[in-house]
Amino acid sequence: MNIHWTGHAKIKMRQYGLSKSRLTQLLRKPERMEEGIAPQTVAVMQTRKIYSTPRKVFAVQKKIKIPGEIWLMYKDVKGERRIISAWRYPGISKPGDSIPIPEDIRNEILNTKS
């Protein structure tokens, strides 16, 4: 299945420091799938499994785990997977709750669909 990256998705990838390879990995092995906010879309998520750079804490270098999630919203259209948006959520969301989307992204997506 071909992957089509929208302009909005490319802008958000730059904004949140996400690469195409990282997002395709997320598409192939999501931890969770939810219904997207736009009609007939799917949102997938993986928790962030990276550690921050080592910092000196009491003269000992420790790696500090920073919790967070990476989200991707897509829609399947005529044999291609259209990537609509991608973002980082700094916390941990509960399964089944509404998808944690920043307000600017939510407004852009809903305004382009109407």
PDB file of N, CA and C in Angstrom:
ATOM      1  N   MET A   1       0.842  -1.173   0.000  1.00  0.00           N
ATOM      2  CA  MET A   1       0.000   0.000   0.000  1.00  0.00           C
ATOM      3  C   MET A   1       0.896   1.248   0.000  1.00  0.00           C
ATOM      4  N   ASN A   2       0.634   2.160  -0.925  1.00  0.00           N
ATOM      5  CA  ASN A   2       1.411   3.396  -1.019  1.00  0.00           C
ATOM      6  C   ASN A   2       1.060   4.341   0.119  1.00  0.00           C
ATOM      7  N   ILE A   3       2.027   5.123   0.533  1.00  0.00           N
ATOM      8  CA  ILE A   3       1.812   6.104   1.594  1.00  0.00           C
ATOM      9  C   ILE A   3       1.920   7.499   0.990  1.00  0.00           C
ATOM     10  N   HIS A   4       0.884   8.317   1.229  1.00  0.00           N
ATOM     11  CA  HIS A   4       0.872   9.707   0.758  1.00  0.00           C
ATOM     12  C   HIS A   4       0.949  10.625   1.971  1.00  0.00           C
ATOM     13  N   TRP A   5       1.942  11.516   1.993  1.00  0.00           N
ATOM     14  CA  TRP A   5       2.141  12.441   3.113  1.00  0.00           C
ATOM     15  C   TRP A   5       1.530  13.784   2.746  1.00  0.00           C
ATOM     16  N   THR A   6       0.540  14.245   3.495  1.00  0.00           N
ATOM     17  CA  THR A   6      -0.063  15.551   3.230  1.00  0.00           C
ATOM     18  C   THR A   6       0.900  16.654   3.661  1.00  0.00           C
ATOM     19  N   GLY A   7       0.651  17.856   3.159  1.00  0.00           N
ATOM     20  CA  GLY A   7       1.479  18.995   3.537  1.00  0.00           C
ATOM     21  C   GLY A   7       1.401  19.283   5.025  1.00  0.00           C
ATOM     22  N   HIS A   8       0.209  19.124   5.584  1.00  0.00           N
ATOM     23  CA  HIS A   8       0.025  19.342   7.022  1.00  0.00           C
ATOM     24  C   HIS A   8       0.877  18.359   7.823  1.00  0.00           C
ATOM     25  N   ALA A   9       0.899  17.103   7.386  1.00  0.00           N
ATOM     26  CA  ALA A   9       1.686  16.088   8.096  1.00  0.00           C
ATOM     27  C   ALA A   9       3.180  16.417   8.025  1.00  0.00           C
ATOM     28  N   LYS A  10       3.653  16.897   6.879  1.00  0.00           N
ATOM     29  CA  LYS A  10       5.071  17.243   6.738  1.00  0.00           C
ATOM     30  C   LYS A  10       5.449  18.406   7.652  1.00  0.00           C
ATOM     31  N   ILE A  11       4.559  19.390   7.756  1.00  0.00           N
ATOM     32  CA  ILE A  11       4.821  20.527   8.645  1.00  0.00           C
ATOM     33  C   ILE A  11       4.907  20.061  10.093  1.00  0.00           C
ATOM     34  N   LYS A  12       3.973  19.201  10.502  1.00  0.00           N
ATOM     35  CA  LYS A  12       3.958  18.727  11.888  1.00  0.00           C
ATOM     36  C   LYS A  12       5.143  17.810  12.185  1.00  0.00           C
ATOM     37  N   MET A  13       5.612  17.059  11.176  1.00  0.00           N
ATOM     38  CA  MET A  13       6.795  16.227  11.368  1.00  0.00           C
ATOM     39  C   MET A  13       8.000  17.102  11.687  1.00  0.00           C
ATOM     40  N   ARG A  14       8.129  18.215  10.953  1.00  0.00           N
ATOM     41  CA  ARG A  14       9.220  19.145  11.223  1.00  0.00           C
ATOM     42  C   ARG A  14       9.075  19.785  12.596  1.00  0.00           C
ATOM     43  N   GLN A  15       7.839  20.168  12.937  1.00  0.00           N
ATOM     44  CA  GLN A  15       7.593  20.843  14.211  1.00  0.00           C
ATOM     45  C   GLN A  15       7.932  19.953  15.403  1.00  0.00           C
ATOM     46  N   TYR A  16       7.546  18.678  15.341  1.00  0.00           N
ATOM     47  CA  TYR A  16       7.746  17.770  16.469  1.00  0.00           C
ATOM     48  C   TYR A  16       9.000  16.907  16.348  1.00  0.00           C
ATOM     49  N   GLY A  17       9.790  17.089  15.296  1.00  0.00           N
ATOM     50  CA  GLY A  17      11.033  16.338  15.147  1.00  0.00           C
ATOM     51  C   GLY A  17      10.811  14.862  14.887  1.00  0.00           C
ATOM     52  N   LEU A  18       9.837  14.533  14.039  1.00  0.00           N
ATOM     53  CA  LEU A  18       9.524  13.142  13.709  1.00  0.00           C
ATOM     54  C   LEU A  18       9.995  12.837  12.293  1.00  0.00           C
ATOM     55  N   SER A  19      10.555  11.650  12.086  1.00  0.00           N
ATOM     56  CA  SER A  19      11.025  11.257  10.762  1.00  0.00           C
ATOM     57  C   SER A  19      10.012  10.328  10.098  1.00  0.00           C
ATOM     58  N   LYS A  20      10.141  10.205   8.771  1.00  0.00           N
ATOM     59  CA  LYS A  20       9.245   9.304   8.040  1.00  0.00           C
ATOM     60  C   LYS A  20       9.447   7.858   8.483  1.00  0.00           C
ATOM     61  N   SER A  21      10.692   7.480   8.733  1.00  0.00           N
ATOM     62  CA  SER A  21      10.951   6.099   9.150  1.00  0.00           C
ATOM     63  C   SER A  21      10.329   5.819  10.517  1.00  0.00           C
ATOM     64  N   ARG A  22      10.376   6.801  11.411  1.00  0.00           N
ATOM     65  CA  ARG A  22       9.770   6.626  12.740  1.00  0.00           C
ATOM     66  C   ARG A  22       8.256   6.468  12.622  1.00  0.00           C
ATOM     67  N   LEU A  23       7.635   7.242  11.739  1.00  0.00           N
ATOM     68  CA  LEU A  23       6.187   7.170  11.588  1.00  0.00           C
ATOM     69  C   LEU A  23       5.744   5.922  10.823  1.00  0.00           C
ATOM     70  N   THR A  24       6.546   5.443   9.872  1.00  0.00           N
ATOM     71  CA  THR A  24       6.182   4.194   9.209  1.00  0.00           C
ATOM     72  C   THR A  24       6.314   3.019  10.172  1.00  0.00           C
ATOM     73  N   GLN A  25       7.289   3.092  11.078  1.00  0.00           N
ATOM     74  CA  GLN A  25       7.400   2.068  12.126  1.00  0.00           C
ATOM     75  C   GLN A  25       6.154   2.093  13.011  1.00  0.00           C
ATOM     76  N   LEU A  26       5.671   3.286  13.308  1.00  0.00           N
ATOM     77  CA  LEU A  26       4.455   3.436  14.101  1.00  0.00           C
ATOM     78  C   LEU A  26       3.249   2.857  13.369  1.00  0.00           C
ATOM     79  N   LEU A  27       3.189   3.035  12.052  1.00  0.00           N
ATOM     80  CA  LEU A  27       2.091   2.462  11.267  1.00  0.00           C
ATOM     81  C   LEU A  27       2.114   0.937  11.301  1.00  0.00           C
ATOM     82  N   ARG A  28       3.309   0.353  11.256  1.00  0.00           N
ATOM     83  CA  ARG A  28       3.421  -1.103  11.206  1.00  0.00           C
ATOM     84  C   ARG A  28       3.206  -1.772  12.559  1.00  0.00           C
ATOM     85  N   LYS A  29       3.626  -1.120  13.639  1.00  0.00           N
ATOM     86  CA  LYS A  29       3.522  -1.733  14.968  1.00  0.00           C
ATOM     87  C   LYS A  29       2.952  -0.748  15.987  1.00  0.00           C
ATOM     88  N   PRO A  30       1.678  -0.394  15.856  1.00  0.00           N
ATOM     89  CA  PRO A  30       1.103   0.527  16.844  1.00  0.00           C
ATOM     90  C   PRO A  30       0.803  -0.186  18.158  1.00  0.00           C
ATOM     91  N   GLU A  31       0.942   0.534  19.251  1.00  0.00           N
ATOM     92  CA  GLU A  31       0.556  -0.023  20.549  1.00  0.00           C
ATOM     93  C   GLU A  31      -0.951   0.066  20.748  1.00  0.00           C
ATOM     94  N   ARG A  32      -1.547   1.087  20.162  1.00  0.00           N
ATOM     95  CA  ARG A  32      -2.977   1.296  20.350  1.00  0.00           C
ATOM     96  C   ARG A  32      -3.567   1.951  19.109  1.00  0.00           C
ATOM     97  N   MET A  33      -4.814   1.596  18.791  1.00  0.00           N
ATOM     98  CA  MET A  33      -5.542   2.205  17.677  1.00  0.00           C
ATOM     99  C   MET A  33      -6.829   2.804  18.223  1.00  0.00           C
ATOM    100  N   GLU A  34      -7.138   4.013  17.784  1.00  0.00           N
ATOM    101  CA  GLU A  34      -8.360   4.705  18.184  1.00  0.00           C
ATOM    102  C   GLU A  34      -9.017   5.266  16.930  1.00  0.00           C
ATOM    103  N   GLU A  35     -10.276   5.657  17.065  1.00  0.00           N
ATOM    104  CA  GLU A  35     -10.971   6.331  15.979  1.00  0.00           C
ATOM    105  C   GLU A  35     -10.499   7.780  15.939  1.00  0.00           C
ATOM    106  N   GLY A  36     -10.186   8.300  14.741  1.00  0.00           N
ATOM    107  CA  GLY A  36      -9.714   9.676  14.608  1.00  0.00           C
ATOM    108  C   GLY A  36     -10.842  10.676  14.763  1.00  0.00           C
ATOM    109  N   ILE A  37     -10.497  11.964  14.890  1.00  0.00           N
ATOM    110  CA  ILE A  37     -11.536  12.978  15.060  1.00  0.00           C
ATOM    111  C   ILE A  37     -12.199  13.328  13.740  1.00  0.00           C
ATOM    112  N   ALA A  38     -11.486  13.201  12.633  1.00  0.00           N
ATOM    113  CA  ALA A  38     -12.083  13.434  11.324  1.00  0.00           C
ATOM    114  C   ALA A  38     -12.848  12.172  10.914  1.00  0.00           C
ATOM    115  N   PRO A  39     -13.872  12.309  10.065  1.00  0.00           N
ATOM    116  CA  PRO A  39     -14.655  11.138   9.657  1.00  0.00           C
ATOM    117  C   PRO A  39     -13.806  10.093   8.929  1.00  0.00           C
ATOM    118  N   GLN A  40     -14.009   8.847   9.261  1.00  0.00           N
ATOM    119  CA  GLN A  40     -13.368   7.686   8.627  1.00  0.00           C
ATOM    120  C   GLN A  40     -11.842   7.737   8.715  1.00  0.00           C
ATOM    121  N   THR A  41     -11.322   8.189   9.832  1.00  0.00           N
ATOM    122  CA  THR A  41      -9.876   8.197  10.037  1.00  0.00           C
ATOM    123  C   THR A  41      -9.522   7.312  11.223  1.00  0.00           C
ATOM    124  N   VAL A  42      -8.271   6.913  11.275  1.00  0.00           N
ATOM    125  CA  VAL A  42      -7.758   6.072  12.349  1.00  0.00           C
ATOM    126  C   VAL A  42      -6.551   6.782  12.952  1.00  0.00           C
ATOM    127  N   ALA A  43      -6.444   6.744  14.265  1.00  0.00           N
ATOM    128  CA  ALA A  43      -5.279   7.305  14.953  1.00  0.00           C
ATOM    129  C   ALA A  43      -4.547   6.162  15.650  1.00  0.00           C
ATOM    130  N   VAL A  44      -3.238   6.107  15.477  1.00  0.00           N
ATOM    131  CA  VAL A  44      -2.421   5.072  16.106  1.00  0.00           C
ATOM    132  C   VAL A  44      -1.391   5.736  17.011  1.00  0.00           C
ATOM    133  N   MET A  45      -0.921   4.984  18.024  1.00  0.00           N
ATOM    134  CA  MET A  45      -0.054   5.556  19.042  1.00  0.00           C
ATOM    135  C   MET A  45       1.014   4.572  19.463  1.00  0.00           C
ATOM    136  N   GLN A  46       2.183   5.111  19.804  1.00  0.00           N
ATOM    137  CA  GLN A  46       3.241   4.372  20.486  1.00  0.00           C
ATOM    138  C   GLN A  46       3.767   5.262  21.595  1.00  0.00           C
ATOM    139  N   THR A  47       4.129   4.638  22.718  1.00  0.00           N
ATOM    140  CA  THR A  47       4.751   5.424  23.774  1.00  0.00           C
ATOM    141  C   THR A  47       6.194   5.706  23.387  1.00  0.00           C
ATOM    142  N   ARG A  48       6.688   6.826  23.851  1.00  0.00           N
ATOM    143  CA  ARG A  48       8.057   7.219  23.545  1.00  0.00           C
ATOM    144  C   ARG A  48       8.983   6.385  24.409  1.00  0.00           C
ATOM    145  N   LYS A  49       9.894   5.664  23.779  1.00  0.00           N
ATOM    146  CA  LYS A  49      10.764   4.756  24.516  1.00  0.00           C
ATOM    147  C   LYS A  49      12.207   5.234  24.493  1.00  0.00           C
ATOM    148  N   ILE A  50      12.401   6.532  24.334  1.00  0.00           N
ATOM    149  CA  ILE A  50      13.766   7.052  24.333  1.00  0.00           C
ATOM    150  C   ILE A  50      14.051   7.701  25.673  1.00  0.00           C
ATOM    151  N   TYR A  51      15.289   7.823  25.959  1.00  0.00           N
ATOM    152  CA  TYR A  51      15.707   8.454  27.197  1.00  0.00           C
ATOM    153  C   TYR A  51      16.369   9.781  26.855  1.00  0.00           C
ATOM    154  N   SER A  52      16.313  10.692  27.783  1.00  0.00           N
ATOM    155  CA  SER A  52      16.957  11.984  27.554  1.00  0.00           C
ATOM    156  C   SER A  52      18.468  11.823  27.651  1.00  0.00           C
ATOM    157  N   THR A  53      19.157  12.873  27.302  1.00  0.00           N
ATOM    158  CA  THR A  53      20.614  12.835  27.394  1.00  0.00           C
ATOM    159  C   THR A  53      21.029  12.719  28.852  1.00  0.00           C
ATOM    160  N   PRO A  54      22.142  12.077  29.110  1.00  0.00           N
ATOM    161  CA  PRO A  54      22.577  11.936  30.507  1.00  0.00           C
ATOM    162  C   PRO A  54      22.796  13.302  31.158  1.00  0.00           C
ATOM    163  N   ARG A  55      22.332  13.460  32.364  1.00  0.00           N
ATOM    164  CA  ARG A  55      22.504  14.695  33.122  1.00  0.00           C
ATOM    165  C   ARG A  55      23.170  14.370  34.446  1.00  0.00           C
ATOM    166  N   LYS A  56      23.914  15.323  34.931  1.00  0.00           N
ATOM    167  CA  LYS A  56      24.532  15.118  36.236  1.00  0.00           C
ATOM    168  C   LYS A  56      23.497  15.380  37.315  1.00  0.00           C
ATOM    169  N   VAL A  57      23.205  14.349  38.063  1.00  0.00           N
ATOM    170  CA  VAL A  57      22.293  14.467  39.196  1.00  0.00           C
ATOM    171  C   VAL A  57      23.074  13.995  40.412  1.00  0.00           C
ATOM    172  N   PHE A  58      23.401  14.910  41.284  1.00  0.00           N
ATOM    173  CA  PHE A  58      24.196  14.596  42.470  1.00  0.00           C
ATOM    174  C   PHE A  58      25.520  13.927  42.094  1.00  0.00           C
ATOM    175  N   ALA A  59      26.196  14.507  41.116  1.00  0.00           N
ATOM    176  CA  ALA A  59      27.517  14.064  40.658  1.00  0.00           C
ATOM    177  C   ALA A  59      27.499  12.664  40.041  1.00  0.00           C
ATOM    178  N   VAL A  60      26.330  12.149  39.701  1.00  0.00           N
ATOM    179  CA  VAL A  60      26.214  10.848  39.042  1.00  0.00           C
ATOM    180  C   VAL A  60      25.392  11.056  37.773  1.00  0.00           C
ATOM    181  N   GLN A  61      25.881  10.532  36.662  1.00  0.00           N
ATOM    182  CA  GLN A  61      25.123  10.683  35.428  1.00  0.00           C
ATOM    183  C   GLN A  61      24.042   9.616  35.364  1.00  0.00           C
ATOM    184  N   LYS A  62      22.807  10.064  35.184  1.00  0.00           N
ATOM    185  CA  LYS A  62      21.683   9.140  35.060  1.00  0.00           C
ATOM    186  C   LYS A  62      20.909   9.485  33.798  1.00  0.00           C
ATOM    187  N   LYS A  63      20.336   8.476  33.189  1.00  0.00           N
ATOM    188  CA  LYS A  63      19.433   8.720  32.080  1.00  0.00           C
ATOM    189  C   LYS A  63      18.025   8.820  32.650  1.00  0.00           C
ATOM    190  N   ILE A  64      17.342   9.877  32.299  1.00  0.00           N
ATOM    191  CA  ILE A  64      16.013  10.127  32.838  1.00  0.00           C
ATOM    192  C   ILE A  64      14.984   9.789  31.767  1.00  0.00           C
ATOM    193  N   LYS A  65      14.028   8.949  32.082  1.00  0.00           N
ATOM    194  CA  LYS A  65      12.993   8.586  31.130  1.00  0.00           C
ATOM    195  C   LYS A  65      11.954   9.697  31.073  1.00  0.00           C
ATOM    196  N   ILE A  66      11.678  10.166  29.874  1.00  0.00           N
ATOM    197  CA  ILE A  66      10.684  11.213  29.680  1.00  0.00           C
ATOM    198  C   ILE A  66       9.435  10.556  29.106  1.00  0.00           C
ATOM    199  N   PRO A  67       8.340  10.522  29.843  1.00  0.00           N
ATOM    200  CA  PRO A  67       7.140   9.868  29.322  1.00  0.00           C
ATOM    201  C   PRO A  67       6.509  10.695  28.208  1.00  0.00           C
ATOM    202  N   GLY A  68       5.858  10.024  27.298  1.00  0.00           N
ATOM    203  CA  GLY A  68       5.188  10.712  26.210  1.00  0.00           C
ATOM    204  C   GLY A  68       4.694   9.720  25.180  1.00  0.00           C
ATOM    205  N   GLU A  69       3.908  10.221  24.246  1.00  0.00           N
ATOM    206  CA  GLU A  69       3.337   9.384  23.196  1.00  0.00           C
ATOM    207  C   GLU A  69       3.529  10.066  21.850  1.00  0.00           C
ATOM    208  N   ILE A  70       3.627   9.244  20.809  1.00  0.00           N
ATOM    209  CA  ILE A  70       3.672   9.734  19.438  1.00  0.00           C
ATOM    210  C   ILE A  70       2.395   9.245  18.768  1.00  0.00           C
ATOM    211  N   TRP A  71       1.639  10.164  18.201  1.00  0.00           N
ATOM    212  CA  TRP A  71       0.369   9.851  17.558  1.00  0.00           C
ATOM    213  C   TRP A  71       0.455  10.122  16.061  1.00  0.00           C
ATOM    214  N   LEU A  72      -0.318   9.344  15.291  1.00  0.00           N
ATOM    215  CA  LEU A  72      -0.378   9.493  13.842  1.00  0.00           C
ATOM    216  C   LEU A  72      -1.817   9.261  13.412  1.00  0.00           C
ATOM    217  N   MET A  73      -2.365  10.158  12.601  1.00  0.00           N
ATOM    218  CA  MET A  73      -3.730   9.983  12.100  1.00  0.00           C
ATOM    219  C   MET A  73      -3.672   9.786  10.588  1.00  0.00           C
ATOM    220  N   TYR A  74      -4.370   8.755  10.101  1.00  0.00           N
ATOM    221  CA  TYR A  74      -4.356   8.450   8.676  1.00  0.00           C
ATOM    222  C   TYR A  74      -5.733   8.017   8.206  1.00  0.00           C
ATOM    223  N   LYS A  75      -5.865   7.952   6.869  1.00  0.00           N
ATOM    224  CA  LYS A  75      -7.108   7.512   6.242  1.00  0.00           C
ATOM    225  C   LYS A  75      -6.731   6.696   5.014  1.00  0.00           C
ATOM    226  N   ASP A  76      -7.387   5.557   4.821  1.00  0.00           N
ATOM    227  CA  ASP A  76      -7.150   4.734   3.638  1.00  0.00           C
ATOM    228  C   ASP A  76      -8.084   5.187   2.523  1.00  0.00           C
ATOM    229  N   VAL A  77      -7.494   5.592   1.379  1.00  0.00           N
ATOM    230  CA  VAL A  77      -8.271   6.102   0.255  1.00  0.00           C
ATOM    231  C   VAL A  77      -7.783   5.434  -1.023  1.00  0.00           C
ATOM    232  N   LYS A  78      -8.613   4.620  -1.642  1.00  0.00           N
ATOM    233  CA  LYS A  78      -8.343   4.021  -2.956  1.00  0.00           C
ATOM    234  C   LYS A  78      -6.942   3.424  -3.088  1.00  0.00           C
ATOM    235  N   GLY A  79      -6.609   2.519  -2.233  1.00  0.00           N
ATOM    236  CA  GLY A  79      -5.341   1.810  -2.346  1.00  0.00           C
ATOM    237  C   GLY A  79      -4.127   2.553  -1.830  1.00  0.00           C
ATOM    238  N   GLU A  80      -4.315   3.711  -1.231  1.00  0.00           N
ATOM    239  CA  GLU A  80      -3.185   4.413  -0.628  1.00  0.00           C
ATOM    240  C   GLU A  80      -3.544   4.833   0.788  1.00  0.00           C
ATOM    241  N   ARG A  81      -2.535   4.915   1.610  1.00  0.00           N
ATOM    242  CA  ARG A  81      -2.715   5.339   2.997  1.00  0.00           C
ATOM    243  C   ARG A  81      -2.296   6.804   3.083  1.00  0.00           C
ATOM    244  N   ARG A  82      -3.263   7.672   3.363  1.00  0.00           N
ATOM    245  CA  ARG A  82      -3.017   9.109   3.406  1.00  0.00           C
ATOM    246  C   ARG A  82      -2.752   9.533   4.845  1.00  0.00           C
ATOM    247  N   ILE A  83      -1.535   9.995   5.113  1.00  0.00           N
ATOM    248  CA  ILE A  83      -1.155  10.457   6.448  1.00  0.00           C
ATOM    249  C   ILE A  83      -1.651  11.889   6.596  1.00  0.00           C
ATOM    250  N   ILE A  84      -2.550  12.105   7.563  1.00  0.00           N
ATOM    251  CA  ILE A  84      -3.172  13.413   7.740  1.00  0.00           C
ATOM    252  C   ILE A  84      -2.383  14.273   8.716  1.00  0.00           C
ATOM    253  N   SER A  85      -1.985  13.715   9.848  1.00  0.00           N
ATOM    254  CA  SER A  85      -1.277  14.507  10.849  1.00  0.00           C
ATOM    255  C   SER A  85      -0.464  13.601  11.764  1.00  0.00           C
ATOM    256  N   ALA A  86       0.510  14.200  12.429  1.00  0.00           N
ATOM    257  CA  ALA A  86       1.337  13.494  13.414  1.00  0.00           C
ATOM    258  C   ALA A  86       1.684  14.483  14.513  1.00  0.00           C
ATOM    259  N   TRP A  87       1.768  13.991  15.745  1.00  0.00           N
ATOM    260  CA  TRP A  87       2.098  14.882  16.861  1.00  0.00           C
ATOM    261  C   TRP A  87       2.631  14.090  18.033  1.00  0.00           C
ATOM    262  N   ARG A  88       3.274  14.810  18.948  1.00  0.00           N
ATOM    263  CA  ARG A  88       3.747  14.240  20.206  1.00  0.00           C
ATOM    264  C   ARG A  88       2.820  14.716  21.308  1.00  0.00           C
ATOM    265  N   TYR A  89       2.466  13.810  22.205  1.00  0.00           N
ATOM    266  CA  TYR A  89       1.682  14.163  23.383  1.00  0.00           C
ATOM    267  C   TYR A  89       2.606  13.982  24.581  1.00  0.00           C
ATOM    268  N   PRO A  90       2.797  15.012  25.400  1.00  0.00           N
ATOM    269  CA  PRO A  90       3.798  14.919  26.464  1.00  0.00           C
ATOM    270  C   PRO A  90       3.426  14.018  27.631  1.00  0.00           C
ATOM    271  N   GLY A  91       2.180  13.630  27.763  1.00  0.00           N
ATOM    272  CA  GLY A  91       1.774  12.790  28.886  1.00  0.00           C
ATOM    273  C   GLY A  91       1.408  11.394  28.431  1.00  0.00           C
ATOM    274  N   ILE A  92       0.653  10.701  29.273  1.00  0.00           N
ATOM    275  CA  ILE A  92       0.157   9.364  28.964  1.00  0.00           C
ATOM    276  C   ILE A  92      -1.365   9.445  28.945  1.00  0.00           C
ATOM    277  N   SER A  93      -1.974   9.063  27.821  1.00  0.00           N
ATOM    278  CA  SER A  93      -3.429   9.126  27.703  1.00  0.00           C
ATOM    279  C   SER A  93      -4.042   7.781  28.071  1.00  0.00           C
ATOM    280  N   LYS A  94      -5.307   7.814  28.465  1.00  0.00           N
ATOM    281  CA  LYS A  94      -6.012   6.594  28.835  1.00  0.00           C
ATOM    282  C   LYS A  94      -6.685   5.994  27.604  1.00  0.00           C
ATOM    283  N   PRO A  95      -6.641   4.667  27.456  1.00  0.00           N
ATOM    284  CA  PRO A  95      -7.320   4.034  26.323  1.00  0.00           C
ATOM    285  C   PRO A  95      -8.819   4.299  26.375  1.00  0.00           C
ATOM    286  N   GLY A  96      -9.396   4.597  25.203  1.00  0.00           N
ATOM    287  CA  GLY A  96     -10.830   4.826  25.114  1.00  0.00           C
ATOM    288  C   GLY A  96     -11.237   6.270  25.297  1.00  0.00           C
ATOM    289  N   ASP A  97     -10.378   7.106  25.887  1.00  0.00           N
ATOM    290  CA  ASP A  97     -10.685   8.534  26.011  1.00  0.00           C
ATOM    291  C   ASP A  97     -10.519   9.200  24.651  1.00  0.00           C
ATOM    292  N   SER A  98     -10.941  10.452  24.557  1.00  0.00           N
ATOM    293  CA  SER A  98     -10.746  11.169  23.303  1.00  0.00           C
ATOM    294  C   SER A  98      -9.244  11.334  23.060  1.00  0.00           C
ATOM    295  N   ILE A  99      -8.881  11.376  21.807  1.00  0.00           N
ATOM    296  CA  ILE A  99      -7.476  11.442  21.431  1.00  0.00           C
ATOM    297  C   ILE A  99      -6.910  12.798  21.846  1.00  0.00           C
ATOM    298  N   PRO A 100      -5.763  12.815  22.524  1.00  0.00           N
ATOM    299  CA  PRO A 100      -5.178  14.089  22.950  1.00  0.00           C
ATOM    300  C   PRO A 100      -4.502  14.804  21.784  1.00  0.00           C
ATOM    301  N   ILE A 101      -5.236  15.719  21.168  1.00  0.00           N
ATOM    302  CA  ILE A 101      -4.719  16.468  20.032  1.00  0.00           C
ATOM    303  C   ILE A 101      -4.559  17.925  20.455  1.00  0.00           C
ATOM    304  N   PRO A 102      -3.408  18.543  20.179  1.00  0.00           N
ATOM    305  CA  PRO A 102      -3.268  19.966  20.475  1.00  0.00           C
ATOM    306  C   PRO A 102      -4.343  20.776  19.746  1.00  0.00           C
ATOM    307  N   GLU A 103      -4.792  21.862  20.361  1.00  0.00           N
ATOM    308  CA  GLU A 103      -5.912  22.645  19.828  1.00  0.00           C
ATOM    309  C   GLU A 103      -5.635  23.193  18.435  1.00  0.00           C
ATOM    310  N   ASP A 104      -4.397  23.623  18.145  1.00  0.00           N
ATOM    311  CA  ASP A 104      -4.117  24.173  16.820  1.00  0.00           C
ATOM    312  C   ASP A 104      -4.280  23.112  15.733  1.00  0.00           C
ATOM    313  N   ILE A 105      -3.850  21.890  16.007  1.00  0.00           N
ATOM    314  CA  ILE A 105      -3.999  20.808  15.032  1.00  0.00           C
ATOM    315  C   ILE A 105      -5.469  20.444  14.880  1.00  0.00           C
ATOM    316  N   ARG A 106      -6.197  20.351  15.990  1.00  0.00           N
ATOM    317  CA  ARG A 106      -7.623  20.019  15.937  1.00  0.00           C
ATOM    318  C   ARG A 106      -8.379  21.041  15.085  1.00  0.00           C
ATOM    319  N   ASN A 107      -8.110  22.322  15.285  1.00  0.00           N
ATOM    320  CA  ASN A 107      -8.797  23.367  14.521  1.00  0.00           C
ATOM    321  C   ASN A 107      -8.453  23.299  13.041  1.00  0.00           C
ATOM    322  N   GLU A 108      -7.180  23.060  12.705  1.00  0.00           N
ATOM    323  CA  GLU A 108      -6.782  22.958  11.303  1.00  0.00           C
ATOM    324  C   GLU A 108      -7.465  21.787  10.615  1.00  0.00           C
ATOM    325  N   ILE A 109      -7.509  20.638  11.275  1.00  0.00           N
ATOM    326  CA  ILE A 109      -8.107  19.447  10.671  1.00  0.00           C
ATOM    327  C   ILE A 109      -9.602  19.640  10.476  1.00  0.00           C
ATOM    328  N   LEU A 110     -10.287  20.137  11.488  1.00  0.00           N
ATOM    329  CA  LEU A 110     -11.730  20.316  11.387  1.00  0.00           C
ATOM    330  C   LEU A 110     -12.098  21.414  10.396  1.00  0.00           C
ATOM    331  N   ASN A 111     -11.285  22.453  10.257  1.00  0.00           N
ATOM    332  CA  ASN A 111     -11.582  23.527   9.304  1.00  0.00           C
ATOM    333  C   ASN A 111     -11.342  23.101   7.869  1.00  0.00           C
ATOM    334  N   THR A 112     -10.378  22.225   7.609  1.00  0.00           N
ATOM    335  CA  THR A 112     -10.126  21.776   6.244  1.00  0.00           C
ATOM    336  C   THR A 112     -11.164  20.770   5.782  1.00  0.00           C
ATOM    337  N   LYS A 113     -11.791  20.056   6.705  1.00  0.00           N
ATOM    338  CA  LYS A 113     -12.789  19.058   6.328  1.00  0.00           C
ATOM    339  C   LYS A 113     -14.149  19.676   6.045  1.00  0.00           C
ATOM    340  N   SER A 114     -14.433  20.878   6.569  1.00  0.00           N
ATOM    341  CA  SER A 114     -15.765  21.471   6.364  1.00  0.00           C
ATOM    342  C   SER A 114     -15.814  22.380   5.165  1.00  0.00           C
TER     343      SER A 114
END
